[in-house]
Amino acid sequence: MSLLNPKVREIKEFIKDNESRWGHAEKILYSKCIEDIRKIKISEIEQKEIKSTVRTFLVDWGGMARVLESPKRKSKWQNGLKKSIQTHKSFLESTRKLDLEKTNLNNYENDIINCYLEIKNAVGPTSASKVLHMLSPDFFPIWDKNVREKIRKECKPRRINESENGYYNFMLVIKDFLIKYRGIIHLLSKRYKKSKLRIFDYYIRMACNK
């Protein structure tokens, strides 16, 4: 099947399957971390939030322990991430009001690229997308190596890789997908009480592992 041109029936089946498998964990970890961090202004995110809520999201929910707790990063990533977030706090705060589907990304290209790059340098490419999504769950999509590699094969005109430009191109691709499948994604978003980007993440994760 084509990841970016699926049948509506396939999207519905993948979302239903994912919800039956992971819906409970979603409520316990993903949703709680998103809501907890949403209550805090970006400028007020300190080391205690990085060590608690953000770490829970990345390690316990996101499965990033192998990367973040490796000897290379274990003693550095939390300080580096806090610094990166605060460097881009104004931009990140503004993205909390944005909806990827409805946003002209050209207006934010440089900010997205620079912000992703600095956070990636602190925590790596997959964790960077998860941090960004946690801070702005309606704007920044999540990816991992498997998603990057498989979507890249279908997007040869656009360069999809772990670089900052690759992530920006990935956002463009996902925006196109959200627009193309607006009807079914809106329906599933309401049915399962999840954001449109979360519905996409459910879909793409299941589709890539099929």
N, C-alpha and C. Protein backbone atom coordinates (compact mmCIF):
# COMPACT_ATOMS: atom_id res chain seq x y z
N MET A 1 0.84 -1.19 0.00
CA MET A 1 0.00 0.00 0.00
C MET A 1 0.87 1.25 0.00
N SER A 2 0.32 2.34 -0.46
CA SER A 2 1.03 3.62 -0.42
C SER A 2 0.77 4.29 0.91
N LEU A 3 1.82 4.68 1.59
CA LEU A 3 1.67 5.33 2.90
C LEU A 3 0.95 6.66 2.80
N LEU A 4 1.21 7.39 1.72
CA LEU A 4 0.67 8.74 1.60
C LEU A 4 -0.57 8.80 0.72
N ASN A 5 -0.97 7.66 0.16
CA ASN A 5 -2.18 7.61 -0.66
C ASN A 5 -3.02 6.38 -0.30
N PRO A 6 -3.30 6.20 0.98
CA PRO A 6 -4.07 5.02 1.38
C PRO A 6 -5.55 5.17 1.06
N LYS A 7 -6.25 4.07 1.14
CA LYS A 7 -7.70 4.11 1.05
C LYS A 7 -8.25 4.56 2.41
N VAL A 8 -9.36 5.24 2.39
CA VAL A 8 -9.97 5.69 3.65
C VAL A 8 -10.22 4.52 4.58
N ARG A 9 -10.64 3.41 4.01
CA ARG A 9 -10.89 2.21 4.81
C ARG A 9 -9.64 1.77 5.57
N GLU A 10 -8.49 1.88 4.93
CA GLU A 10 -7.23 1.48 5.58
C GLU A 10 -6.91 2.39 6.75
N ILE A 11 -7.12 3.68 6.58
CA ILE A 11 -6.87 4.62 7.68
C ILE A 11 -7.75 4.26 8.87
N LYS A 12 -9.02 4.03 8.63
CA LYS A 12 -9.96 3.71 9.70
C LYS A 12 -9.57 2.44 10.42
N GLU A 13 -9.14 1.43 9.67
CA GLU A 13 -8.76 0.15 10.27
C GLU A 13 -7.51 0.29 11.13
N PHE A 14 -6.53 1.05 10.64
CA PHE A 14 -5.30 1.23 11.41
C PHE A 14 -5.57 1.99 12.71
N ILE A 15 -6.40 3.01 12.65
CA ILE A 15 -6.69 3.80 13.85
C ILE A 15 -7.44 2.95 14.87
N LYS A 16 -8.41 2.18 14.41
CA LYS A 16 -9.18 1.32 15.31
C LYS A 16 -8.27 0.30 15.98
N ASP A 17 -7.37 -0.30 15.21
CA ASP A 17 -6.45 -1.31 15.74
C ASP A 17 -5.51 -0.69 16.76
N ASN A 18 -4.96 0.47 16.44
CA ASN A 18 -4.02 1.12 17.34
C ASN A 18 -4.71 1.52 18.65
N GLU A 19 -5.93 2.02 18.55
CA GLU A 19 -6.66 2.43 19.75
C GLU A 19 -6.95 1.23 20.65
N SER A 20 -7.29 0.11 20.06
CA SER A 20 -7.58 -1.08 20.87
C SER A 20 -6.33 -1.60 21.56
N ARG A 21 -5.18 -1.40 20.94
CA ARG A 21 -3.92 -1.88 21.52
C ARG A 21 -3.35 -0.93 22.57
N TRP A 22 -3.38 0.37 22.26
CA TRP A 22 -2.63 1.33 23.05
C TRP A 22 -3.47 2.44 23.69
N GLY A 23 -4.77 2.37 23.55
CA GLY A 23 -5.62 3.44 24.07
C GLY A 23 -5.46 3.70 25.55
N HIS A 24 -5.31 2.62 26.35
CA HIS A 24 -5.18 2.79 27.79
C HIS A 24 -3.87 3.49 28.15
N ALA A 25 -2.77 3.04 27.54
CA ALA A 25 -1.47 3.67 27.80
C ALA A 25 -1.47 5.12 27.34
N GLU A 26 -2.22 5.40 26.29
CA GLU A 26 -2.34 6.76 25.78
C GLU A 26 -2.85 7.69 26.86
N LYS A 27 -3.89 7.26 27.57
CA LYS A 27 -4.49 8.09 28.61
C LYS A 27 -3.56 8.25 29.80
N ILE A 28 -2.86 7.20 30.15
CA ILE A 28 -2.01 7.24 31.34
C ILE A 28 -0.77 8.11 31.14
N LEU A 29 -0.11 7.96 30.00
CA LEU A 29 1.17 8.64 29.80
C LEU A 29 1.08 9.81 28.82
N TYR A 30 0.74 9.52 27.58
CA TYR A 30 0.76 10.56 26.55
C TYR A 30 -0.12 11.75 26.94
N SER A 31 -1.38 11.50 27.18
CA SER A 31 -2.32 12.60 27.44
C SER A 31 -1.97 13.37 28.70
N LYS A 32 -1.57 12.65 29.76
CA LYS A 32 -1.23 13.32 31.01
C LYS A 32 -0.03 14.24 30.84
N CYS A 33 1.00 13.75 30.16
CA CYS A 33 2.19 14.59 29.95
C CYS A 33 1.86 15.82 29.10
N ILE A 34 1.06 15.63 28.06
CA ILE A 34 0.67 16.75 27.20
C ILE A 34 -0.09 17.79 28.01
N GLU A 35 -1.03 17.35 28.82
CA GLU A 35 -1.83 18.27 29.62
C GLU A 35 -1.00 18.96 30.69
N ASP A 36 -0.10 18.24 31.32
CA ASP A 36 0.74 18.83 32.37
C ASP A 36 1.64 19.93 31.81
N ILE A 37 2.24 19.68 30.65
CA ILE A 37 3.15 20.68 30.08
C ILE A 37 2.38 21.84 29.47
N ARG A 38 1.15 21.59 29.05
CA ARG A 38 0.32 22.64 28.46
C ARG A 38 -0.01 23.74 29.50
N LYS A 39 -0.01 23.37 30.76
CA LYS A 39 -0.34 24.31 31.83
C LYS A 39 0.79 25.30 32.13
N ILE A 40 1.96 25.03 31.57
CA ILE A 40 3.15 25.83 31.87
C ILE A 40 3.55 26.64 30.65
N LYS A 41 3.85 27.91 30.85
CA LYS A 41 4.39 28.71 29.75
C LYS A 41 5.75 28.16 29.36
N ILE A 42 6.06 28.23 28.09
CA ILE A 42 7.36 27.73 27.62
C ILE A 42 8.50 28.40 28.38
N SER A 43 8.38 29.68 28.62
CA SER A 43 9.44 30.43 29.31
C SER A 43 9.63 29.98 30.75
N GLU A 44 8.65 29.24 31.29
CA GLU A 44 8.73 28.79 32.68
C GLU A 44 9.14 27.33 32.82
N ILE A 45 9.45 26.69 31.70
CA ILE A 45 9.91 25.30 31.77
C ILE A 45 11.34 25.28 32.31
N GLU A 46 11.49 24.67 33.47
CA GLU A 46 12.79 24.62 34.15
C GLU A 46 13.29 23.17 34.22
N GLN A 47 14.40 22.99 34.91
CA GLN A 47 15.01 21.67 34.99
C GLN A 47 14.08 20.64 35.62
N LYS A 48 13.26 21.06 36.59
CA LYS A 48 12.37 20.09 37.24
C LYS A 48 11.34 19.53 36.26
N GLU A 49 10.85 20.36 35.32
CA GLU A 49 9.92 19.86 34.31
C GLU A 49 10.63 18.93 33.32
N ILE A 50 11.88 19.25 32.99
CA ILE A 50 12.64 18.40 32.08
C ILE A 50 12.86 17.03 32.73
N LYS A 51 13.20 17.02 34.02
CA LYS A 51 13.50 15.77 34.72
C LYS A 51 12.26 14.95 35.03
N SER A 52 11.10 15.59 35.06
CA SER A 52 9.88 14.86 35.41
C SER A 52 8.99 14.65 34.18
N THR A 53 8.20 15.65 33.83
CA THR A 53 7.21 15.47 32.76
C THR A 53 7.84 15.17 31.41
N VAL A 54 8.86 15.93 31.03
CA VAL A 54 9.48 15.73 29.72
C VAL A 54 10.18 14.38 29.65
N ARG A 55 10.88 14.03 30.72
CA ARG A 55 11.56 12.72 30.73
C ARG A 55 10.55 11.58 30.67
N THR A 56 9.45 11.70 31.39
CA THR A 56 8.41 10.67 31.35
C THR A 56 7.88 10.51 29.92
N PHE A 57 7.66 11.63 29.25
CA PHE A 57 7.15 11.59 27.89
C PHE A 57 8.14 10.92 26.94
N LEU A 58 9.41 11.27 27.07
CA LEU A 58 10.42 10.75 26.16
C LEU A 58 10.83 9.32 26.46
N VAL A 59 11.01 9.01 27.74
CA VAL A 59 11.55 7.70 28.12
C VAL A 59 10.46 6.67 28.37
N ASP A 60 9.50 7.01 29.23
CA ASP A 60 8.47 6.04 29.60
C ASP A 60 7.43 5.84 28.49
N TRP A 61 6.96 6.94 27.90
CA TRP A 61 6.01 6.81 26.80
C TRP A 61 6.74 6.63 25.47
N GLY A 62 7.75 7.45 25.22
CA GLY A 62 8.39 7.49 23.90
C GLY A 62 9.43 6.43 23.64
N GLY A 63 9.82 5.66 24.68
CA GLY A 63 10.77 4.58 24.48
C GLY A 63 12.16 5.02 24.08
N MET A 64 12.59 6.19 24.55
CA MET A 64 13.88 6.74 24.13
C MET A 64 15.00 6.52 25.15
N ALA A 65 14.82 5.58 26.07
CA ALA A 65 15.82 5.36 27.12
C ALA A 65 17.18 4.97 26.53
N ARG A 66 17.18 4.13 25.52
CA ARG A 66 18.45 3.66 24.95
C ARG A 66 19.29 4.81 24.42
N VAL A 67 18.62 5.81 23.85
CA VAL A 67 19.33 6.96 23.29
C VAL A 67 19.69 7.96 24.38
N LEU A 68 18.71 8.34 25.18
CA LEU A 68 18.91 9.43 26.14
C LEU A 68 19.72 9.01 27.36
N GLU A 69 19.70 7.73 27.70
CA GLU A 69 20.43 7.30 28.88
C GLU A 69 21.71 6.56 28.51
N SER A 70 22.13 6.74 27.29
CA SER A 70 23.42 6.18 26.86
C SER A 70 24.54 7.03 27.47
N PRO A 71 25.73 6.48 27.60
CA PRO A 71 26.85 7.25 28.18
C PRO A 71 27.10 8.57 27.44
N LYS A 72 26.82 8.59 26.15
CA LYS A 72 27.08 9.78 25.35
C LYS A 72 26.18 10.95 25.75
N ARG A 73 24.92 10.68 26.13
CA ARG A 73 23.96 11.76 26.38
C ARG A 73 23.48 11.88 27.82
N LYS A 74 23.60 10.82 28.61
CA LYS A 74 22.91 10.74 29.89
C LYS A 74 23.11 11.96 30.78
N SER A 75 24.31 12.45 30.87
CA SER A 75 24.59 13.55 31.78
C SER A 75 24.44 14.92 31.13
N LYS A 76 24.07 14.96 29.85
CA LYS A 76 24.07 16.23 29.12
C LYS A 76 22.72 16.64 28.55
N TRP A 77 21.87 15.67 28.20
CA TRP A 77 20.71 16.02 27.38
C TRP A 77 19.71 16.93 28.08
N GLN A 78 19.54 16.77 29.38
CA GLN A 78 18.55 17.58 30.08
C GLN A 78 18.93 19.06 30.10
N ASN A 79 20.18 19.34 30.40
CA ASN A 79 20.63 20.74 30.38
C ASN A 79 20.59 21.30 28.97
N GLY A 80 21.02 20.49 28.00
CA GLY A 80 21.01 20.95 26.62
C GLY A 80 19.60 21.21 26.11
N LEU A 81 18.67 20.37 26.50
CA LEU A 81 17.28 20.55 26.07
C LEU A 81 16.67 21.80 26.69
N LYS A 82 16.90 22.00 27.96
CA LYS A 82 16.36 23.19 28.61
C LYS A 82 16.89 24.46 27.93
N LYS A 83 18.17 24.49 27.66
CA LYS A 83 18.77 25.64 26.99
C LYS A 83 18.16 25.86 25.61
N SER A 84 17.96 24.78 24.87
CA SER A 84 17.40 24.89 23.52
C SER A 84 15.98 25.42 23.55
N ILE A 85 15.18 24.90 24.48
CA ILE A 85 13.79 25.35 24.60
C ILE A 85 13.74 26.83 24.95
N GLN A 86 14.58 27.24 25.87
CA GLN A 86 14.55 28.65 26.28
C GLN A 86 15.10 29.58 25.19
N THR A 87 16.03 29.10 24.40
CA THR A 87 16.53 29.90 23.28
C THR A 87 15.42 30.22 22.29
N HIS A 88 14.50 29.29 22.12
CA HIS A 88 13.42 29.44 21.12
C HIS A 88 12.05 29.60 21.78
N LYS A 89 12.03 30.08 23.00
CA LYS A 89 10.78 30.12 23.77
C LYS A 89 9.69 30.96 23.11
N SER A 90 10.04 32.07 22.51
CA SER A 90 9.01 32.92 21.90
C SER A 90 8.37 32.22 20.71
N PHE A 91 9.20 31.62 19.87
CA PHE A 91 8.68 30.89 18.73
C PHE A 91 7.83 29.70 19.18
N LEU A 92 8.35 28.93 20.13
CA LEU A 92 7.62 27.75 20.60
C LEU A 92 6.29 28.13 21.24
N GLU A 93 6.27 29.21 21.98
CA GLU A 93 5.01 29.66 22.58
C GLU A 93 4.00 30.02 21.49
N SER A 94 4.47 30.64 20.44
CA SER A 94 3.56 31.03 19.35
C SER A 94 2.99 29.82 18.62
N THR A 95 3.74 28.72 18.57
CA THR A 95 3.26 27.54 17.84
C THR A 95 2.14 26.82 18.58
N ARG A 96 1.97 27.09 19.84
CA ARG A 96 0.91 26.43 20.60
C ARG A 96 -0.48 26.82 20.09
N LYS A 97 -0.55 27.91 19.36
CA LYS A 97 -1.83 28.37 18.82
C LYS A 97 -2.02 27.93 17.37
N LEU A 98 -1.04 27.22 16.82
CA LEU A 98 -1.08 26.88 15.39
C LEU A 98 -1.61 25.47 15.15
N ASP A 99 -2.23 25.31 14.00
CA ASP A 99 -2.74 24.03 13.51
C ASP A 99 -1.97 23.75 12.21
N LEU A 100 -1.25 22.64 12.17
CA LEU A 100 -0.41 22.35 11.01
C LEU A 100 -1.19 22.40 9.70
N GLU A 101 -2.37 21.83 9.69
CA GLU A 101 -3.16 21.78 8.47
C GLU A 101 -3.49 23.17 7.93
N LYS A 102 -3.67 24.14 8.83
CA LYS A 102 -4.14 25.46 8.43
C LYS A 102 -3.03 26.51 8.36
N THR A 103 -1.80 26.11 8.63
CA THR A 103 -0.70 27.07 8.73
C THR A 103 0.14 27.12 7.46
N ASN A 104 0.47 28.32 7.03
CA ASN A 104 1.40 28.50 5.92
C ASN A 104 2.82 28.33 6.47
N LEU A 105 3.41 27.18 6.23
CA LEU A 105 4.71 26.87 6.83
C LEU A 105 5.82 27.76 6.31
N ASN A 106 5.64 28.33 5.13
CA ASN A 106 6.67 29.23 4.60
C ASN A 106 6.94 30.39 5.55
N ASN A 107 5.93 30.79 6.31
CA ASN A 107 6.09 31.90 7.25
C ASN A 107 6.94 31.54 8.45
N TYR A 108 7.14 30.24 8.67
CA TYR A 108 7.86 29.78 9.87
C TYR A 108 9.07 28.91 9.54
N GLU A 109 9.44 28.86 8.29
CA GLU A 109 10.48 27.92 7.86
C GLU A 109 11.77 28.07 8.65
N ASN A 110 12.31 29.27 8.72
CA ASN A 110 13.59 29.46 9.41
C ASN A 110 13.49 29.13 10.90
N ASP A 111 12.38 29.51 11.52
CA ASP A 111 12.21 29.23 12.95
C ASP A 111 12.11 27.72 13.20
N ILE A 112 11.36 27.02 12.36
CA ILE A 112 11.24 25.57 12.51
C ILE A 112 12.60 24.91 12.35
N ILE A 113 13.32 25.27 11.31
CA ILE A 113 14.62 24.68 11.03
C ILE A 113 15.61 24.92 12.16
N ASN A 114 15.70 26.16 12.62
CA ASN A 114 16.66 26.49 13.67
C ASN A 114 16.30 25.85 15.00
N CYS A 115 15.02 25.84 15.32
CA CYS A 115 14.56 25.27 16.59
C CYS A 115 14.78 23.76 16.60
N TYR A 116 14.36 23.09 15.54
CA TYR A 116 14.54 21.64 15.47
C TYR A 116 16.03 21.28 15.55
N LEU A 117 16.86 22.01 14.83
CA LEU A 117 18.30 21.71 14.82
C LEU A 117 18.89 21.76 16.22
N GLU A 118 18.56 22.80 16.97
CA GLU A 118 19.16 22.94 18.31
C GLU A 118 18.65 21.86 19.25
N ILE A 119 17.36 21.55 19.18
CA ILE A 119 16.83 20.50 20.04
C ILE A 119 17.37 19.13 19.62
N LYS A 120 17.50 18.91 18.32
CA LYS A 120 18.08 17.65 17.83
C LYS A 120 19.50 17.45 18.34
N ASN A 121 20.26 18.52 18.40
CA ASN A 121 21.63 18.42 18.89
C ASN A 121 21.68 18.00 20.36
N ALA A 122 20.61 18.30 21.08
CA ALA A 122 20.56 17.93 22.50
C ALA A 122 20.06 16.51 22.72
N VAL A 123 19.06 16.08 21.93
CA VAL A 123 18.41 14.80 22.23
C VAL A 123 18.32 13.83 21.06
N GLY A 124 18.76 14.23 19.88
CA GLY A 124 18.66 13.36 18.71
C GLY A 124 17.40 13.63 17.91
N PRO A 125 17.31 13.13 16.67
CA PRO A 125 16.22 13.49 15.76
C PRO A 125 14.84 12.99 16.17
N THR A 126 14.74 11.76 16.64
CA THR A 126 13.43 11.24 17.02
C THR A 126 12.92 11.91 18.28
N SER A 127 13.78 12.02 19.29
CA SER A 127 13.37 12.70 20.53
C SER A 127 13.04 14.16 20.28
N ALA A 128 13.75 14.79 19.35
CA ALA A 128 13.47 16.20 19.04
C ALA A 128 12.03 16.37 18.55
N SER A 129 11.59 15.47 17.68
CA SER A 129 10.22 15.57 17.18
C SER A 129 9.22 15.34 18.30
N LYS A 130 9.55 14.47 19.24
CA LYS A 130 8.64 14.19 20.36
C LYS A 130 8.58 15.37 21.32
N VAL A 131 9.70 16.01 21.57
CA VAL A 131 9.70 17.21 22.41
C VAL A 131 8.85 18.30 21.76
N LEU A 132 9.07 18.55 20.50
CA LEU A 132 8.31 19.58 19.79
C LEU A 132 6.82 19.27 19.79
N HIS A 133 6.49 18.00 19.57
CA HIS A 133 5.08 17.60 19.58
C HIS A 133 4.47 17.78 20.96
N MET A 134 5.21 17.45 21.98
CA MET A 134 4.73 17.61 23.34
C MET A 134 4.40 19.06 23.65
N LEU A 135 5.24 19.97 23.18
CA LEU A 135 5.04 21.39 23.43
C LEU A 135 3.92 21.97 22.58
N SER A 136 3.77 21.48 21.35
CA SER A 136 2.76 21.99 20.42
C SER A 136 2.15 20.82 19.65
N PRO A 137 1.24 20.07 20.28
CA PRO A 137 0.74 18.82 19.70
C PRO A 137 -0.15 18.98 18.47
N ASP A 138 -0.57 20.20 18.15
CA ASP A 138 -1.36 20.41 16.94
C ASP A 138 -0.52 20.89 15.77
N PHE A 139 0.76 21.12 16.02
CA PHE A 139 1.62 21.71 14.99
C PHE A 139 2.79 20.84 14.58
N PHE A 140 3.49 20.25 15.54
CA PHE A 140 4.68 19.47 15.24
C PHE A 140 4.38 17.97 15.20
N PRO A 141 4.64 17.29 14.08
CA PRO A 141 4.42 15.85 14.01
C PRO A 141 5.60 15.07 14.58
N ILE A 142 5.30 13.83 14.98
CA ILE A 142 6.32 12.92 15.49
C ILE A 142 6.83 12.04 14.35
N TRP A 143 8.11 11.72 14.43
CA TRP A 143 8.66 10.73 13.50
C TRP A 143 9.68 9.87 14.21
N ASP A 144 10.09 8.79 13.57
CA ASP A 144 11.21 7.98 14.01
C ASP A 144 11.94 7.48 12.77
N LYS A 145 12.96 6.70 12.96
CA LYS A 145 13.79 6.26 11.82
C LYS A 145 12.97 5.48 10.81
N ASN A 146 12.11 4.60 11.29
CA ASN A 146 11.29 3.79 10.40
C ASN A 146 10.37 4.65 9.55
N VAL A 147 9.72 5.61 10.18
CA VAL A 147 8.82 6.51 9.44
C VAL A 147 9.60 7.34 8.43
N ARG A 148 10.74 7.88 8.86
CA ARG A 148 11.57 8.68 7.94
C ARG A 148 11.94 7.89 6.70
N GLU A 149 12.44 6.69 6.90
CA GLU A 149 12.93 5.90 5.77
C GLU A 149 11.81 5.51 4.81
N LYS A 150 10.67 5.16 5.35
CA LYS A 150 9.59 4.69 4.48
C LYS A 150 8.89 5.84 3.76
N ILE A 151 8.74 6.97 4.44
CA ILE A 151 8.13 8.12 3.76
C ILE A 151 9.09 8.69 2.73
N ARG A 152 10.38 8.64 3.02
CA ARG A 152 11.36 9.16 2.05
C ARG A 152 11.23 8.48 0.69
N LYS A 153 10.92 7.20 0.70
CA LYS A 153 10.80 6.45 -0.56
C LYS A 153 9.63 6.94 -1.41
N GLU A 154 8.63 7.55 -0.76
CA GLU A 154 7.48 8.05 -1.50
C GLU A 154 7.56 9.54 -1.77
N CYS A 155 8.62 10.18 -1.29
CA CYS A 155 8.71 11.66 -1.41
C CYS A 155 10.03 12.08 -2.01
N LYS A 156 10.43 11.46 -3.08
CA LYS A 156 11.75 11.74 -3.63
C LYS A 156 11.95 13.20 -4.05
N PRO A 157 10.92 13.91 -4.52
CA PRO A 157 11.16 15.33 -4.82
C PRO A 157 11.49 16.15 -3.56
N ARG A 158 10.99 15.68 -2.41
CA ARG A 158 11.28 16.36 -1.15
C ARG A 158 12.23 15.49 -0.34
N ARG A 159 13.28 16.08 0.13
CA ARG A 159 14.31 15.33 0.84
C ARG A 159 13.90 15.11 2.29
N ILE A 160 13.58 13.87 2.63
CA ILE A 160 13.19 13.51 3.99
C ILE A 160 14.34 12.77 4.65
N ASN A 161 14.95 13.39 5.64
CA ASN A 161 15.99 12.73 6.43
C ASN A 161 16.02 13.39 7.80
N GLU A 162 16.94 12.98 8.65
CA GLU A 162 16.91 13.45 10.04
C GLU A 162 17.43 14.88 10.21
N SER A 163 17.85 15.52 9.14
CA SER A 163 18.34 16.90 9.24
C SER A 163 17.20 17.87 9.50
N GLU A 164 17.58 19.11 9.81
CA GLU A 164 16.57 20.15 10.06
C GLU A 164 15.72 20.42 8.82
N ASN A 165 16.34 20.44 7.66
CA ASN A 165 15.58 20.63 6.42
C ASN A 165 14.70 19.42 6.13
N GLY A 166 15.21 18.24 6.49
CA GLY A 166 14.41 17.03 6.32
C GLY A 166 13.16 17.04 7.17
N TYR A 167 13.27 17.55 8.40
CA TYR A 167 12.09 17.62 9.27
C TYR A 167 11.10 18.65 8.74
N TYR A 168 11.60 19.77 8.26
CA TYR A 168 10.70 20.77 7.68
C TYR A 168 9.96 20.19 6.48
N ASN A 169 10.67 19.46 5.63
CA ASN A 169 10.03 18.83 4.48
C ASN A 169 9.00 17.80 4.91
N PHE A 170 9.30 17.09 5.99
CA PHE A 170 8.35 16.13 6.55
C PHE A 170 7.07 16.85 6.98
N MET A 171 7.20 17.99 7.60
CA MET A 171 6.02 18.76 8.00
C MET A 171 5.18 19.15 6.78
N LEU A 172 5.84 19.52 5.71
CA LEU A 172 5.11 19.86 4.48
C LEU A 172 4.32 18.66 3.95
N VAL A 173 4.95 17.50 3.99
CA VAL A 173 4.29 16.28 3.52
C VAL A 173 3.08 15.95 4.38
N ILE A 174 3.24 16.07 5.69
CA ILE A 174 2.14 15.74 6.59
C ILE A 174 1.01 16.76 6.45
N LYS A 175 1.35 18.01 6.25
CA LYS A 175 0.31 19.02 6.01
C LYS A 175 -0.51 18.65 4.78
N ASP A 176 0.15 18.24 3.71
CA ASP A 176 -0.56 17.83 2.49
C ASP A 176 -1.48 16.64 2.77
N PHE A 177 -0.99 15.70 3.57
CA PHE A 177 -1.79 14.52 3.92
C PHE A 177 -3.04 14.93 4.71
N LEU A 178 -2.86 15.81 5.68
CA LEU A 178 -3.98 16.27 6.50
C LEU A 178 -5.04 16.97 5.67
N ILE A 179 -4.59 17.72 4.68
CA ILE A 179 -5.53 18.42 3.80
C ILE A 179 -6.26 17.41 2.90
N LYS A 180 -5.50 16.49 2.33
CA LYS A 180 -6.07 15.51 1.40
C LYS A 180 -7.11 14.63 2.08
N TYR A 181 -6.83 14.24 3.33
CA TYR A 181 -7.73 13.34 4.06
C TYR A 181 -8.46 14.07 5.19
N ARG A 182 -8.73 15.34 4.95
CA ARG A 182 -9.35 16.18 5.98
C ARG A 182 -10.63 15.56 6.56
N GLY A 183 -11.49 15.05 5.69
CA GLY A 183 -12.79 14.54 6.13
C GLY A 183 -12.68 13.39 7.11
N ILE A 184 -11.93 12.35 6.75
CA ILE A 184 -11.84 11.17 7.61
C ILE A 184 -11.03 11.47 8.86
N ILE A 185 -10.00 12.30 8.74
CA ILE A 185 -9.19 12.61 9.92
C ILE A 185 -10.00 13.43 10.92
N HIS A 186 -10.79 14.36 10.43
CA HIS A 186 -11.66 15.14 11.32
C HIS A 186 -12.66 14.21 12.01
N LEU A 187 -13.24 13.28 11.28
CA LEU A 187 -14.20 12.34 11.84
C LEU A 187 -13.56 11.48 12.93
N LEU A 188 -12.38 10.93 12.64
CA LEU A 188 -11.69 10.08 13.61
C LEU A 188 -11.19 10.87 14.81
N SER A 189 -10.80 12.11 14.58
CA SER A 189 -10.37 12.98 15.67
C SER A 189 -11.50 13.19 16.68
N LYS A 190 -12.69 13.41 16.19
CA LYS A 190 -13.85 13.59 17.06
C LYS A 190 -14.25 12.27 17.72
N ARG A 191 -14.20 11.20 16.97
CA ARG A 191 -14.63 9.90 17.49
C ARG A 191 -13.74 9.44 18.63
N TYR A 192 -12.43 9.60 18.47
CA TYR A 192 -11.50 9.10 19.48
C TYR A 192 -10.99 10.19 20.43
N LYS A 193 -11.48 11.42 20.22
CA LYS A 193 -11.11 12.55 21.07
C LYS A 193 -9.59 12.75 21.11
N LYS A 194 -9.02 12.80 19.91
CA LYS A 194 -7.58 13.01 19.76
C LYS A 194 -7.34 14.08 18.71
N SER A 195 -6.19 14.72 18.79
CA SER A 195 -5.85 15.75 17.81
C SER A 195 -5.67 15.12 16.43
N LYS A 196 -5.77 15.93 15.40
CA LYS A 196 -5.58 15.44 14.03
C LYS A 196 -4.18 14.87 13.84
N LEU A 197 -3.19 15.51 14.43
CA LEU A 197 -1.82 15.00 14.30
C LEU A 197 -1.65 13.67 15.04
N ARG A 198 -2.37 13.51 16.14
CA ARG A 198 -2.29 12.23 16.86
C ARG A 198 -2.93 11.12 16.03
N ILE A 199 -4.01 11.44 15.36
CA ILE A 199 -4.63 10.46 14.46
C ILE A 199 -3.66 10.08 13.35
N PHE A 200 -2.97 11.07 12.79
CA PHE A 200 -1.97 10.77 11.75
C PHE A 200 -0.86 9.89 12.31
N ASP A 201 -0.40 10.20 13.51
CA ASP A 201 0.69 9.43 14.10
C ASP A 201 0.26 7.98 14.32
N TYR A 202 -0.97 7.78 14.78
CA TYR A 202 -1.52 6.43 14.91
C TYR A 202 -1.45 5.71 13.55
N TYR A 203 -1.94 6.40 12.54
CA TYR A 203 -2.02 5.80 11.22
C TYR A 203 -0.62 5.44 10.69
N ILE A 204 0.27 6.40 10.69
CA ILE A 204 1.57 6.19 10.04
C ILE A 204 2.41 5.16 10.77
N ARG A 205 2.28 5.11 12.09
CA ARG A 205 3.04 4.11 12.86
C ARG A 205 2.57 2.70 12.51
N MET A 206 1.26 2.52 12.47
CA MET A 206 0.72 1.20 12.12
C MET A 206 1.03 0.83 10.67
N ALA A 207 0.89 1.79 9.77
CA ALA A 207 1.11 1.53 8.34
C ALA A 207 2.57 1.17 8.08
N CYS A 208 3.50 1.85 8.75
CA CYS A 208 4.92 1.58 8.53
C CYS A 208 5.35 0.24 9.08
N ASN A 209 4.60 -0.27 10.04
CA ASN A 209 4.97 -1.55 10.65
C ASN A 209 4.18 -2.74 10.09
N LYS A 210 3.37 -2.44 9.07
CA LYS A 210 2.55 -3.51 8.49
C LYS A 210 3.44 -4.52 7.76
